[in-house]
């Protein structure tokens, strides 16, 4: 089906992995479960994975654990590879513009670095 990878900066840091490390074990398990859905299901329900409007072709992985809402933003590299580039805890109705800009910037960095 799909493969999910995490963006790595030029220095080798992975912002998404660092975010996941900051979660409780229950929260991290739920995020991992949703990422597995994205990898394994041909059609992922939109409550878990959907294309973001008004962005540079970004997608969001959507996770709810109790009253906490988490978003992992990423993009496709080809048909089957999803690269997650930013993660945060959502505290407002709208996704913060700064989070979208950061994910888009990391997408540009990724494709510049990985030109074939």
PDB file of N, CA and C in Angstrom:
ATOM      1  N   UNK A   1       0.841  -1.198   0.000  1.00  0.00           N
ATOM      2  CA  UNK A   1       0.000   0.000   0.000  1.00  0.00           C
ATOM      3  C   UNK A   1       0.887   1.263   0.000  1.00  0.00           C
ATOM      4  N   UNK A   2       0.936   1.975   1.150  1.00  0.00           N
ATOM      5  CA  UNK A   2       1.759   3.182   1.258  1.00  0.00           C
ATOM      6  C   UNK A   2       2.888   2.947   2.250  1.00  0.00           C
ATOM      7  N   UNK A   3       3.908   3.785   2.157  1.00  0.00           N
ATOM      8  CA  UNK A   3       4.984   3.777   3.129  1.00  0.00           C
ATOM      9  C   UNK A   3       5.042   5.171   3.743  1.00  0.00           C
ATOM     10  N   UNK A   4       5.182   5.247   5.065  1.00  0.00           N
ATOM     11  CA  UNK A   4       5.281   6.533   5.749  1.00  0.00           C
ATOM     12  C   UNK A   4       6.700   6.684   6.282  1.00  0.00           C
ATOM     13  N   UNK A   5       7.335   7.802   5.917  1.00  0.00           N
ATOM     14  CA  UNK A   5       8.659   8.148   6.430  1.00  0.00           C
ATOM     15  C   UNK A   5       8.580   9.492   7.131  1.00  0.00           C
ATOM     16  N   UNK A   6       9.593   9.782   7.933  1.00  0.00           N
ATOM     17  CA  UNK A   6       9.674  11.070   8.617  1.00  0.00           C
ATOM     18  C   UNK A   6      10.760  11.918   7.965  1.00  0.00           C
ATOM     19  N   UNK A   7      10.451  13.185   7.761  1.00  0.00           N
ATOM     20  CA  UNK A   7      11.410  14.145   7.233  1.00  0.00           C
ATOM     21  C   UNK A   7      12.595  14.247   8.190  1.00  0.00           C
ATOM     22  N   UNK A   8      13.792  14.343   7.622  1.00  0.00           N
ATOM     23  CA  UNK A   8      14.996  14.578   8.414  1.00  0.00           C
ATOM     24  C   UNK A   8      15.643  15.870   7.915  1.00  0.00           C
ATOM     25  N   UNK A   9      16.072  16.709   8.847  1.00  0.00           N
ATOM     26  CA  UNK A   9      16.736  17.959   8.479  1.00  0.00           C
ATOM     27  C   UNK A   9      18.142  17.657   7.973  1.00  0.00           C
ATOM     28  N   UNK A  10      18.821  18.682   7.476  1.00  0.00           N
ATOM     29  CA  UNK A  10      20.194  18.501   6.998  1.00  0.00           C
ATOM     30  C   UNK A  10      21.105  18.000   8.112  1.00  0.00           C
ATOM     31  N   UNK A  11      20.786  18.349   9.349  1.00  0.00           N
ATOM     32  CA  UNK A  11      21.609  17.914  10.486  1.00  0.00           C
ATOM     33  C   UNK A  11      21.218  16.511  10.979  1.00  0.00           C
ATOM     34  N   UNK A  12      20.182  15.915  10.353  1.00  0.00           N
ATOM     35  CA  UNK A  12      19.776  14.565  10.728  1.00  0.00           C
ATOM     36  C   UNK A  12      18.666  14.502  11.768  1.00  0.00           C
ATOM     37  N   UNK A  13      18.192  15.657  12.225  1.00  0.00           N
ATOM     38  CA  UNK A  13      17.090  15.687  13.193  1.00  0.00           C
ATOM     39  C   UNK A  13      15.775  15.333  12.505  1.00  0.00           C
ATOM     40  N   UNK A  14      14.899  14.667  13.251  1.00  0.00           N
ATOM     41  CA  UNK A  14      13.569  14.365  12.741  1.00  0.00           C
ATOM     42  C   UNK A  14      12.548  15.031  13.667  1.00  0.00           C
ATOM     43  N   UNK A  15      11.990  16.178  13.238  1.00  0.00           N
ATOM     44  CA  UNK A  15      11.035  16.901  14.085  1.00  0.00           C
ATOM     45  C   UNK A  15       9.824  16.058  14.488  1.00  0.00           C
ATOM     46  N   UNK A  16       9.358  15.193  13.590  1.00  0.00           N
ATOM     47  CA  UNK A  16       8.184  14.370  13.900  1.00  0.00           C
ATOM     48  C   UNK A  16       8.545  13.328  14.959  1.00  0.00           C
ATOM     49  N   UNK A  17       9.698  12.679  14.822  1.00  0.00           N
ATOM     50  CA  UNK A  17      10.121  11.706  15.835  1.00  0.00           C
ATOM     51  C   UNK A  17      10.283  12.378  17.195  1.00  0.00           C
ATOM     52  N   UNK A  18      10.864  13.582  17.206  1.00  0.00           N
ATOM     53  CA  UNK A  18      11.036  14.311  18.469  1.00  0.00           C
ATOM     54  C   UNK A  18       9.675  14.619  19.098  1.00  0.00           C
ATOM     55  N   UNK A  19       8.705  14.989  18.266  1.00  0.00           N
ATOM     56  CA  UNK A  19       7.360  15.247  18.775  1.00  0.00           C
ATOM     57  C   UNK A  19       6.762  13.973  19.367  1.00  0.00           C
ATOM     58  N   UNK A  20       6.891  12.862  18.640  1.00  0.00           N
ATOM     59  CA  UNK A  20       6.329  11.595  19.121  1.00  0.00           C
ATOM     60  C   UNK A  20       6.978  11.170  20.437  1.00  0.00           C
ATOM     61  N   UNK A  21       8.263  11.435  20.582  1.00  0.00           N
ATOM     62  CA  UNK A  21       8.964  11.107  21.831  1.00  0.00           C
ATOM     63  C   UNK A  21       8.427  11.906  23.018  1.00  0.00           C
ATOM     64  N   UNK A  22       7.814  13.058  22.752  1.00  0.00           N
ATOM     65  CA  UNK A  22       7.298  13.906  23.834  1.00  0.00           C
ATOM     66  C   UNK A  22       5.903  13.472  24.308  1.00  0.00           C
ATOM     67  N   UNK A  23       5.269  12.555  23.588  1.00  0.00           N
ATOM     68  CA  UNK A  23       3.909  12.128  23.932  1.00  0.00           C
ATOM     69  C   UNK A  23       3.928  11.053  25.020  1.00  0.00           C
ATOM     70  N   UNK A  24       2.786  10.886  25.679  1.00  0.00           N
ATOM     71  CA  UNK A  24       2.650   9.778  26.618  1.00  0.00           C
ATOM     72  C   UNK A  24       2.600   8.485  25.812  1.00  0.00           C
ATOM     73  N   UNK A  25       2.790   7.361  26.461  1.00  0.00           N
ATOM     74  CA  UNK A  25       2.778   6.096  25.721  1.00  0.00           C
ATOM     75  C   UNK A  25       1.409   5.844  25.083  1.00  0.00           C
ATOM     76  N   UNK A  26       0.329   6.194  25.772  1.00  0.00           N
ATOM     77  CA  UNK A  26      -1.017   6.007  25.213  1.00  0.00           C
ATOM     78  C   UNK A  26      -1.198   6.863  23.955  1.00  0.00           C
ATOM     79  N   UNK A  27      -0.748   8.110  24.013  1.00  0.00           N
ATOM     80  CA  UNK A  27      -0.865   8.998  22.859  1.00  0.00           C
ATOM     81  C   UNK A  27      -0.014   8.485  21.698  1.00  0.00           C
ATOM     82  N   UNK A  28       1.217   8.072  21.999  1.00  0.00           N
ATOM     83  CA  UNK A  28       2.116   7.584  20.953  1.00  0.00           C
ATOM     84  C   UNK A  28       1.565   6.313  20.295  1.00  0.00           C
ATOM     85  N   UNK A  29       0.950   5.445  21.095  1.00  0.00           N
ATOM     86  CA  UNK A  29       0.355   4.223  20.540  1.00  0.00           C
ATOM     87  C   UNK A  29      -0.771   4.556  19.565  1.00  0.00           C
ATOM     88  N   UNK A  30      -1.598   5.526  19.902  1.00  0.00           N
ATOM     89  CA  UNK A  30      -2.707   5.913  19.019  1.00  0.00           C
ATOM     90  C   UNK A  30      -2.175   6.532  17.729  1.00  0.00           C
ATOM     91  N   UNK A  31      -1.151   7.385  17.852  1.00  0.00           N
ATOM     92  CA  UNK A  31      -0.556   7.981  16.654  1.00  0.00           C
ATOM     93  C   UNK A  31       0.020   6.873  15.759  1.00  0.00           C
ATOM     94  N   UNK A  32       0.720   5.920  16.352  1.00  0.00           N
ATOM     95  CA  UNK A  32       1.302   4.809  15.589  1.00  0.00           C
ATOM     96  C   UNK A  32       0.199   3.987  14.914  1.00  0.00           C
ATOM     97  N   UNK A  33      -0.918   3.786  15.611  1.00  0.00           N
ATOM     98  CA  UNK A  33      -2.039   3.040  15.051  1.00  0.00           C
ATOM     99  C   UNK A  33      -2.594   3.755  13.816  1.00  0.00           C
ATOM    100  N   UNK A  34      -2.741   5.084  13.906  1.00  0.00           N
ATOM    101  CA  UNK A  34      -3.274   5.843  12.767  1.00  0.00           C
ATOM    102  C   UNK A  34      -2.278   5.835  11.600  1.00  0.00           C
ATOM    103  N   UNK A  35      -0.983   5.957  11.902  1.00  0.00           N
ATOM    104  CA  UNK A  35       0.028   5.887  10.839  1.00  0.00           C
ATOM    105  C   UNK A  35      -0.035   4.530  10.140  1.00  0.00           C
ATOM    106  N   UNK A  36      -0.258   3.467  10.914  1.00  0.00           N
ATOM    107  CA  UNK A  36      -0.410   2.137  10.313  1.00  0.00           C
ATOM    108  C   UNK A  36      -1.631   2.068   9.395  1.00  0.00           C
ATOM    109  N   UNK A  37      -2.719   2.735   9.790  1.00  0.00           N
ATOM    110  CA  UNK A  37      -3.902   2.794   8.905  1.00  0.00           C
ATOM    111  C   UNK A  37      -3.540   3.439   7.572  1.00  0.00           C
ATOM    112  N   UNK A  38      -2.800   4.550   7.653  1.00  0.00           N
ATOM    113  CA  UNK A  38      -2.405   5.270   6.436  1.00  0.00           C
ATOM    114  C   UNK A  38      -1.565   4.362   5.545  1.00  0.00           C
ATOM    115  N   UNK A  39      -0.704   3.559   6.168  1.00  0.00           N
ATOM    116  CA  UNK A  39       0.149   2.659   5.388  1.00  0.00           C
ATOM    117  C   UNK A  39      -0.637   1.491   4.798  1.00  0.00           C
ATOM    118  N   UNK A  40      -1.567   0.945   5.557  1.00  0.00           N
ATOM    119  CA  UNK A  40      -2.192  -0.328   5.190  1.00  0.00           C
ATOM    120  C   UNK A  40      -3.504  -0.239   4.422  1.00  0.00           C
ATOM    121  N   UNK A  41      -4.259   0.831   4.591  1.00  0.00           N
ATOM    122  CA  UNK A  41      -5.568   0.910   3.946  1.00  0.00           C
ATOM    123  C   UNK A  41      -5.470   1.595   2.584  1.00  0.00           C
ATOM    124  N   UNK A  42      -6.117   1.014   1.593  1.00  0.00           N
ATOM    125  CA  UNK A  42      -6.147   1.624   0.257  1.00  0.00           C
ATOM    126  C   UNK A  42      -6.872   2.973   0.319  1.00  0.00           C
ATOM    127  N   UNK A  43      -8.031   2.987   0.982  1.00  0.00           N
ATOM    128  CA  UNK A  43      -8.798   4.218   1.166  1.00  0.00           C
ATOM    129  C   UNK A  43      -8.888   4.473   2.669  1.00  0.00           C
ATOM    130  N   UNK A  44      -8.197   5.509   3.124  1.00  0.00           N
ATOM    131  CA  UNK A  44      -8.162   5.841   4.550  1.00  0.00           C
ATOM    132  C   UNK A  44      -9.321   6.790   4.850  1.00  0.00           C
ATOM    133  N   UNK A  45     -10.122   6.502   5.885  1.00  0.00           N
ATOM    134  CA  UNK A  45     -11.214   7.419   6.244  1.00  0.00           C
ATOM    135  C   UNK A  45     -10.681   8.837   6.496  1.00  0.00           C
ATOM    136  N   UNK A  46     -11.437   9.831   6.048  1.00  0.00           N
ATOM    137  CA  UNK A  46     -10.974  11.222   6.147  1.00  0.00           C
ATOM    138  C   UNK A  46     -10.830  11.695   7.596  1.00  0.00           C
ATOM    139  N   UNK A  47     -11.429  10.986   8.536  1.00  0.00           N
ATOM    140  CA  UNK A  47     -11.232  11.388   9.933  1.00  0.00           C
ATOM    141  C   UNK A  47      -9.782  11.150  10.367  1.00  0.00           C
ATOM    142  N   UNK A  48      -9.039  10.329   9.599  1.00  0.00           N
ATOM    143  CA  UNK A  48      -7.643  10.025   9.927  1.00  0.00           C
ATOM    144  C   UNK A  48      -6.625  10.619   8.955  1.00  0.00           C
ATOM    145  N   UNK A  49      -7.023  10.838   7.702  1.00  0.00           N
ATOM    146  CA  UNK A  49      -6.054  11.257   6.693  1.00  0.00           C
ATOM    147  C   UNK A  49      -6.781  12.004   5.604  1.00  0.00           C
ATOM    148  N   UNK A  50      -6.375  13.259   5.380  1.00  0.00           N
ATOM    149  CA  UNK A  50      -7.026  13.991   4.297  1.00  0.00           C
ATOM    150  C   UNK A  50      -6.131  15.091   3.762  1.00  0.00           C
ATOM    151  N   UNK A  51      -6.397  15.452   2.518  1.00  0.00           N
ATOM    152  CA  UNK A  51      -5.654  16.519   1.854  1.00  0.00           C
ATOM    153  C   UNK A  51      -6.093  17.851   2.439  1.00  0.00           C
ATOM    154  N   UNK A  52      -5.118  18.726   2.655  1.00  0.00           N
ATOM    155  CA  UNK A  52      -5.417  20.036   3.222  1.00  0.00           C
ATOM    156  C   UNK A  52      -5.713  21.032   2.103  1.00  0.00           C
ATOM    157  N   UNK A  53      -6.730  21.835   2.298  1.00  0.00           N
ATOM    158  CA  UNK A  53      -7.094  22.861   1.323  1.00  0.00           C
ATOM    159  C   UNK A  53      -6.151  24.053   1.484  1.00  0.00           C
ATOM    160  N   UNK A  54      -5.963  24.788   0.396  1.00  0.00           N
ATOM    161  CA  UNK A  54      -5.172  26.021   0.391  1.00  0.00           C
ATOM    162  C   UNK A  54      -3.743  25.833   0.890  1.00  0.00           C
ATOM    163  N   UNK A  55      -3.138  24.699   0.514  1.00  0.00           N
ATOM    164  CA  UNK A  55      -1.738  24.447   0.861  1.00  0.00           C
ATOM    165  C   UNK A  55      -1.016  23.965  -0.400  1.00  0.00           C
ATOM    166  N   UNK A  56       0.298  23.813  -0.279  1.00  0.00           N
ATOM    167  CA  UNK A  56       1.108  23.297  -1.380  1.00  0.00           C
ATOM    168  C   UNK A  56       1.053  21.774  -1.369  1.00  0.00           C
ATOM    169  N   UNK A  57      -0.147  21.227  -1.609  1.00  0.00           N
ATOM    170  CA  UNK A  57      -0.359  19.783  -1.700  1.00  0.00           C
ATOM    171  C   UNK A  57       0.052  19.042  -0.424  1.00  0.00           C
ATOM    172  N   UNK A  58      -0.301  19.603   0.731  1.00  0.00           N
ATOM    173  CA  UNK A  58      -0.031  18.942   2.008  1.00  0.00           C
ATOM    174  C   UNK A  58      -1.202  18.045   2.394  1.00  0.00           C
ATOM    175  N   UNK A  59      -0.873  17.010   3.145  1.00  0.00           N
ATOM    176  CA  UNK A  59      -1.857  16.098   3.706  1.00  0.00           C
ATOM    177  C   UNK A  59      -1.701  16.111   5.211  1.00  0.00           C
ATOM    178  N   UNK A  60      -2.784  15.789   5.925  1.00  0.00           N
ATOM    179  CA  UNK A  60      -2.661  15.720   7.382  1.00  0.00           C
ATOM    180  C   UNK A  60      -3.147  14.384   7.905  1.00  0.00           C
ATOM    181  N   UNK A  61      -2.360  13.853   8.838  1.00  0.00           N
ATOM    182  CA  UNK A  61      -2.750  12.681   9.609  1.00  0.00           C
ATOM    183  C   UNK A  61      -3.412  13.237  10.848  1.00  0.00           C
ATOM    184  N   UNK A  62      -4.628  12.782  11.119  1.00  0.00           N
ATOM    185  CA  UNK A  62      -5.443  13.347  12.200  1.00  0.00           C
ATOM    186  C   UNK A  62      -5.613  12.300  13.302  1.00  0.00           C
ATOM    187  N   UNK A  63      -5.240  12.693  14.524  1.00  0.00           N
ATOM    188  CA  UNK A  63      -5.293  11.759  15.652  1.00  0.00           C
ATOM    189  C   UNK A  63      -5.975  12.446  16.822  1.00  0.00           C
ATOM    190  N   UNK A  64      -6.933  11.729  17.430  1.00  0.00           N
ATOM    191  CA  UNK A  64      -7.611  12.235  18.629  1.00  0.00           C
ATOM    192  C   UNK A  64      -7.426  11.199  19.730  1.00  0.00           C
ATOM    193  N   UNK A  65      -6.881  11.659  20.864  1.00  0.00           N
ATOM    194  CA  UNK A  65      -6.699  10.796  22.024  1.00  0.00           C
ATOM    195  C   UNK A  65      -7.348  11.516  23.203  1.00  0.00           C
ATOM    196  N   UNK A  66      -8.507  11.032  23.632  1.00  0.00           N
ATOM    197  CA  UNK A  66      -9.240  11.730  24.691  1.00  0.00           C
ATOM    198  C   UNK A  66      -9.606  13.117  24.198  1.00  0.00           C
ATOM    199  N   UNK A  67      -9.223  14.140  24.971  1.00  0.00           N
ATOM    200  CA  UNK A  67      -9.521  15.515  24.566  1.00  0.00           C
ATOM    201  C   UNK A  67      -8.359  16.135  23.785  1.00  0.00           C
ATOM    202  N   UNK A  68      -7.293  15.386  23.553  1.00  0.00           N
ATOM    203  CA  UNK A  68      -6.135  15.894  22.815  1.00  0.00           C
ATOM    204  C   UNK A  68      -6.266  15.581  21.325  1.00  0.00           C
ATOM    205  N   UNK A  69      -5.917  16.572  20.518  1.00  0.00           N
ATOM    206  CA  UNK A  69      -5.953  16.412  19.072  1.00  0.00           C
ATOM    207  C   UNK A  69      -4.545  16.676  18.545  1.00  0.00           C
ATOM    208  N   UNK A  70      -4.046  15.746  17.738  1.00  0.00           N
ATOM    209  CA  UNK A  70      -2.713  15.873  17.174  1.00  0.00           C
ATOM    210  C   UNK A  70      -2.814  15.864  15.658  1.00  0.00           C
ATOM    211  N   UNK A  71      -1.931  16.620  15.017  1.00  0.00           N
ATOM    212  CA  UNK A  71      -1.857  16.653  13.565  1.00  0.00           C
ATOM    213  C   UNK A  71      -0.418  16.408  13.144  1.00  0.00           C
ATOM    214  N   UNK A  72      -0.268  15.564  12.132  1.00  0.00           N
ATOM    215  CA  UNK A  72       1.029  15.326  11.516  1.00  0.00           C
ATOM    216  C   UNK A  72       0.876  15.728  10.061  1.00  0.00           C
ATOM    217  N   UNK A  73       1.635  16.710   9.636  1.00  0.00           N
ATOM    218  CA  UNK A  73       1.519  17.232   8.278  1.00  0.00           C
ATOM    219  C   UNK A  73       2.599  16.620   7.402  1.00  0.00           C
ATOM    220  N   UNK A  74       2.250  16.340   6.165  1.00  0.00           N
ATOM    221  CA  UNK A  74       3.222  15.749   5.258  1.00  0.00           C
ATOM    222  C   UNK A  74       2.794  15.886   3.814  1.00  0.00           C
ATOM    223  N   UNK A  75       3.489  15.135   2.973  1.00  0.00           N
ATOM    224  CA  UNK A  75       3.281  15.230   1.532  1.00  0.00           C
ATOM    225  C   UNK A  75       3.648  13.901   0.893  1.00  0.00           C
ATOM    226  N   UNK A  76       3.195  13.734  -0.340  1.00  0.00           N
ATOM    227  CA  UNK A  76       3.519  12.526  -1.097  1.00  0.00           C
ATOM    228  C   UNK A  76       4.787  12.753  -1.907  1.00  0.00           C
ATOM    229  N   UNK A  77       5.638  11.728  -1.956  1.00  0.00           N
ATOM    230  CA  UNK A  77       6.764  11.665  -2.883  1.00  0.00           C
ATOM    231  C   UNK A  77       6.451  10.470  -3.777  1.00  0.00           C
ATOM    232  N   UNK A  78       5.843  10.729  -4.918  1.00  0.00           N
ATOM    233  CA  UNK A  78       5.352   9.655  -5.773  1.00  0.00           C
ATOM    234  C   UNK A  78       3.969   9.229  -5.312  1.00  0.00           C
ATOM    235  N   UNK A  79       3.568   8.030  -5.714  1.00  0.00           N
ATOM    236  CA  UNK A  79       2.212   7.552  -5.414  1.00  0.00           C
ATOM    237  C   UNK A  79       2.085   6.913  -4.036  1.00  0.00           C
ATOM    238  N   UNK A  80       3.170   6.302  -3.544  1.00  0.00           N
ATOM    239  CA  UNK A  80       3.055   5.447  -2.357  1.00  0.00           C
ATOM    240  C   UNK A  80       3.820   5.922  -1.134  1.00  0.00           C
ATOM    241  N   UNK A  81       4.701   6.917  -1.275  1.00  0.00           N
ATOM    242  CA  UNK A  81       5.515   7.353  -0.141  1.00  0.00           C
ATOM    243  C   UNK A  81       4.952   8.631   0.456  1.00  0.00           C
ATOM    244  N   UNK A  82       4.616   8.593   1.742  1.00  0.00           N
ATOM    245  CA  UNK A  82       4.158   9.768   2.467  1.00  0.00           C
ATOM    246  C   UNK A  82       5.294  10.191   3.393  1.00  0.00           C
ATOM    247  N   UNK A  83       5.707  11.450   3.290  1.00  0.00           N
ATOM    248  CA  UNK A  83       6.767  11.976   4.142  1.00  0.00           C
ATOM    249  C   UNK A  83       6.125  12.954   5.130  1.00  0.00           C
ATOM    250  N   UNK A  84       6.169  12.608   6.416  1.00  0.00           N
ATOM    251  CA  UNK A  84       5.606  13.484   7.443  1.00  0.00           C
ATOM    252  C   UNK A  84       6.686  14.471   7.868  1.00  0.00           C
ATOM    253  N   UNK A  85       6.365  15.763   7.798  1.00  0.00           N
ATOM    254  CA  UNK A  85       7.392  16.781   8.010  1.00  0.00           C
ATOM    255  C   UNK A  85       7.173  17.644   9.246  1.00  0.00           C
ATOM    256  N   UNK A  86       5.975  17.624   9.812  1.00  0.00           N
ATOM    257  CA  UNK A  86       5.718  18.469  10.984  1.00  0.00           C
ATOM    258  C   UNK A  86       4.592  17.839  11.804  1.00  0.00           C
ATOM    259  N   UNK A  87       4.685  17.983  13.118  1.00  0.00           N
ATOM    260  CA  UNK A  87       3.639  17.458  14.008  1.00  0.00           C
ATOM    261  C   UNK A  87       3.422  18.450  15.141  1.00  0.00           C
ATOM    262  N   UNK A  88       2.178  18.526  15.604  1.00  0.00           N
ATOM    263  CA  UNK A  88       1.867  19.444  16.699  1.00  0.00           C
ATOM    264  C   UNK A  88       0.556  19.028  17.352  1.00  0.00           C
ATOM    265  N   UNK A  89       0.341  19.565  18.553  1.00  0.00           N
ATOM    266  CA  UNK A  89      -0.933  19.368  19.230  1.00  0.00           C
ATOM    267  C   UNK A  89      -1.831  20.520  18.820  1.00  0.00           C
ATOM    268  N   UNK A  90      -3.003  20.192  18.346  1.00  0.00           N
ATOM    269  CA  UNK A  90      -3.943  21.199  17.857  1.00  0.00           C
ATOM    270  C   UNK A  90      -4.753  21.739  19.025  1.00  0.00           C
ATOM    271  N   UNK A  91      -4.732  23.057  19.176  1.00  0.00           N
ATOM    272  CA  UNK A  91      -5.442  23.679  20.295  1.00  0.00           C
ATOM    273  C   UNK A  91      -6.538  24.635  19.832  1.00  0.00           C
ATOM    274  N   UNK A  92      -6.577  24.910  18.523  1.00  0.00           N
ATOM    275  CA  UNK A  92      -7.598  25.814  17.987  1.00  0.00           C
ATOM    276  C   UNK A  92      -8.321  25.117  16.840  1.00  0.00           C
ATOM    277  N   UNK A  93      -9.418  25.708  16.398  1.00  0.00           N
ATOM    278  CA  UNK A  93     -10.213  25.124  15.320  1.00  0.00           C
ATOM    279  C   UNK A  93      -9.424  25.036  14.021  1.00  0.00           C
ATOM    280  N   UNK A  94      -8.718  26.124  13.694  1.00  0.00           N
ATOM    281  CA  UNK A  94      -7.972  26.162  12.435  1.00  0.00           C
ATOM    282  C   UNK A  94      -6.535  25.713  12.665  1.00  0.00           C
ATOM    283  N   UNK A  95      -5.958  25.072  11.650  1.00  0.00           N
ATOM    284  CA  UNK A  95      -4.539  24.712  11.704  1.00  0.00           C
ATOM    285  C   UNK A  95      -3.725  26.000  11.618  1.00  0.00           C
ATOM    286  N   UNK A  96      -2.801  26.205  12.546  1.00  0.00           N
ATOM    287  CA  UNK A  96      -2.008  27.450  12.529  1.00  0.00           C
ATOM    288  C   UNK A  96      -1.247  27.619  11.207  1.00  0.00           C
ATOM    289  N   UNK A  97      -1.303  28.820  10.660  1.00  0.00           N
ATOM    290  CA  UNK A  97      -0.620  29.120   9.394  1.00  0.00           C
ATOM    291  C   UNK A  97       0.879  28.824   9.500  1.00  0.00           C
ATOM    292  N   UNK A  98       1.454  29.100  10.660  1.00  0.00           N
ATOM    293  CA  UNK A  98       2.886  28.862  10.867  1.00  0.00           C
ATOM    294  C   UNK A  98       3.221  27.375  10.703  1.00  0.00           C
ATOM    295  N   UNK A  99       2.347  26.495  11.177  1.00  0.00           N
ATOM    296  CA  UNK A  99       2.569  25.045  11.048  1.00  0.00           C
ATOM    297  C   UNK A  99       2.536  24.636   9.577  1.00  0.00           C
ATOM    298  N   UNK A 100       1.606  25.202   8.824  1.00  0.00           N
ATOM    299  CA  UNK A 100       1.499  24.895   7.396  1.00  0.00           C
ATOM    300  C   UNK A 100       2.740  25.400   6.661  1.00  0.00           C
ATOM    301  N   UNK A 101       3.178  26.627   6.975  1.00  0.00           N
ATOM    302  CA  UNK A 101       4.359  27.185   6.314  1.00  0.00           C
ATOM    303  C   UNK A 101       5.601  26.356   6.610  1.00  0.00           C
ATOM    304  N   UNK A 102       5.743  25.892   7.847  1.00  0.00           N
ATOM    305  CA  UNK A 102       6.894  25.066   8.211  1.00  0.00           C
ATOM    306  C   UNK A 102       6.881  23.748   7.439  1.00  0.00           C
ATOM    307  N   UNK A 103       5.717  23.110   7.344  1.00  0.00           N
ATOM    308  CA  UNK A 103       5.605  21.857   6.600  1.00  0.00           C
ATOM    309  C   UNK A 103       5.905  22.075   5.119  1.00  0.00           C
ATOM    310  N   UNK A 104       5.431  23.186   4.553  1.00  0.00           N
ATOM    311  CA  UNK A 104       5.700  23.477   3.146  1.00  0.00           C
ATOM    312  C   UNK A 104       7.187  23.756   2.912  1.00  0.00           C
ATOM    313  N   UNK A 105       7.813  24.450   3.840  1.00  0.00           N
ATOM    314  CA  UNK A 105       9.249  24.735   3.734  1.00  0.00           C
ATOM    315  C   UNK A 105      10.061  23.431   3.775  1.00  0.00           C
ATOM    316  N   UNK A 106       9.682  22.530   4.672  1.00  0.00           N
ATOM    317  CA  UNK A 106      10.384  21.246   4.760  1.00  0.00           C
ATOM    318  C   UNK A 106      10.149  20.408   3.508  1.00  0.00           C
ATOM    319  N   UNK A 107       8.979  20.538   2.907  1.00  0.00           N
ATOM    320  CA  UNK A 107       8.705  19.831   1.655  1.00  0.00           C
ATOM    321  C   UNK A 107       9.644  20.328   0.566  1.00  0.00           C
ATOM    322  N   UNK A 108       9.803  21.639   0.456  1.00  0.00           N
ATOM    323  CA  UNK A 108      10.712  22.200  -0.553  1.00  0.00           C
ATOM    324  C   UNK A 108      12.145  21.722  -0.306  1.00  0.00           C
ATOM    325  N   UNK A 109      12.573  21.732   0.961  1.00  0.00           N
ATOM    326  CA  UNK A 109      13.917  21.259   1.319  1.00  0.00           C
ATOM    327  C   UNK A 109      14.087  19.803   0.917  1.00  0.00           C
ATOM    328  N   UNK A 110      13.090  18.986   1.216  1.00  0.00           N
ATOM    329  CA  UNK A 110      13.141  17.556   0.901  1.00  0.00           C
ATOM    330  C   UNK A 110      13.344  17.331  -0.599  1.00  0.00           C
ATOM    331  N   UNK A 111      12.543  18.007  -1.418  1.00  0.00           N
ATOM    332  CA  UNK A 111      12.622  17.772  -2.855  1.00  0.00           C
ATOM    333  C   UNK A 111      13.891  18.372  -3.472  1.00  0.00           C
ATOM    334  N   UNK A 112      14.386  19.474  -2.920  1.00  0.00           N
ATOM    335  CA  UNK A 112      15.673  20.009  -3.397  1.00  0.00           C
ATOM    336  C   UNK A 112      16.793  19.020  -3.122  1.00  0.00           C
ATOM    337  N   UNK A 113      16.771  18.441  -1.929  1.00  0.00           N
ATOM    338  CA  UNK A 113      17.811  17.523  -1.502  1.00  0.00           C
ATOM    339  C   UNK A 113      17.712  16.181  -2.230  1.00  0.00           C
ATOM    340  N   UNK A 114      16.512  15.779  -2.602  1.00  0.00           N
ATOM    341  CA  UNK A 114      16.298  14.451  -3.182  1.00  0.00           C
ATOM    342  C   UNK A 114      16.033  14.475  -4.689  1.00  0.00           C
ATOM    343  N   UNK A 115      16.489  15.523  -5.361  1.00  0.00           N
ATOM    344  CA  UNK A 115      16.335  15.546  -6.814  1.00  0.00           C
ATOM    345  C   UNK A 115      17.098  14.385  -7.410  1.00  0.00           C
ATOM    346  N   UNK A 116      16.462  13.735  -8.348  1.00  0.00           N
ATOM    347  CA  UNK A 116      17.105  12.550  -8.964  1.00  0.00           C
ATOM    348  C   UNK A 116      17.866  12.952 -10.197  1.00  0.00           C
TER     349      UNK A 116
END
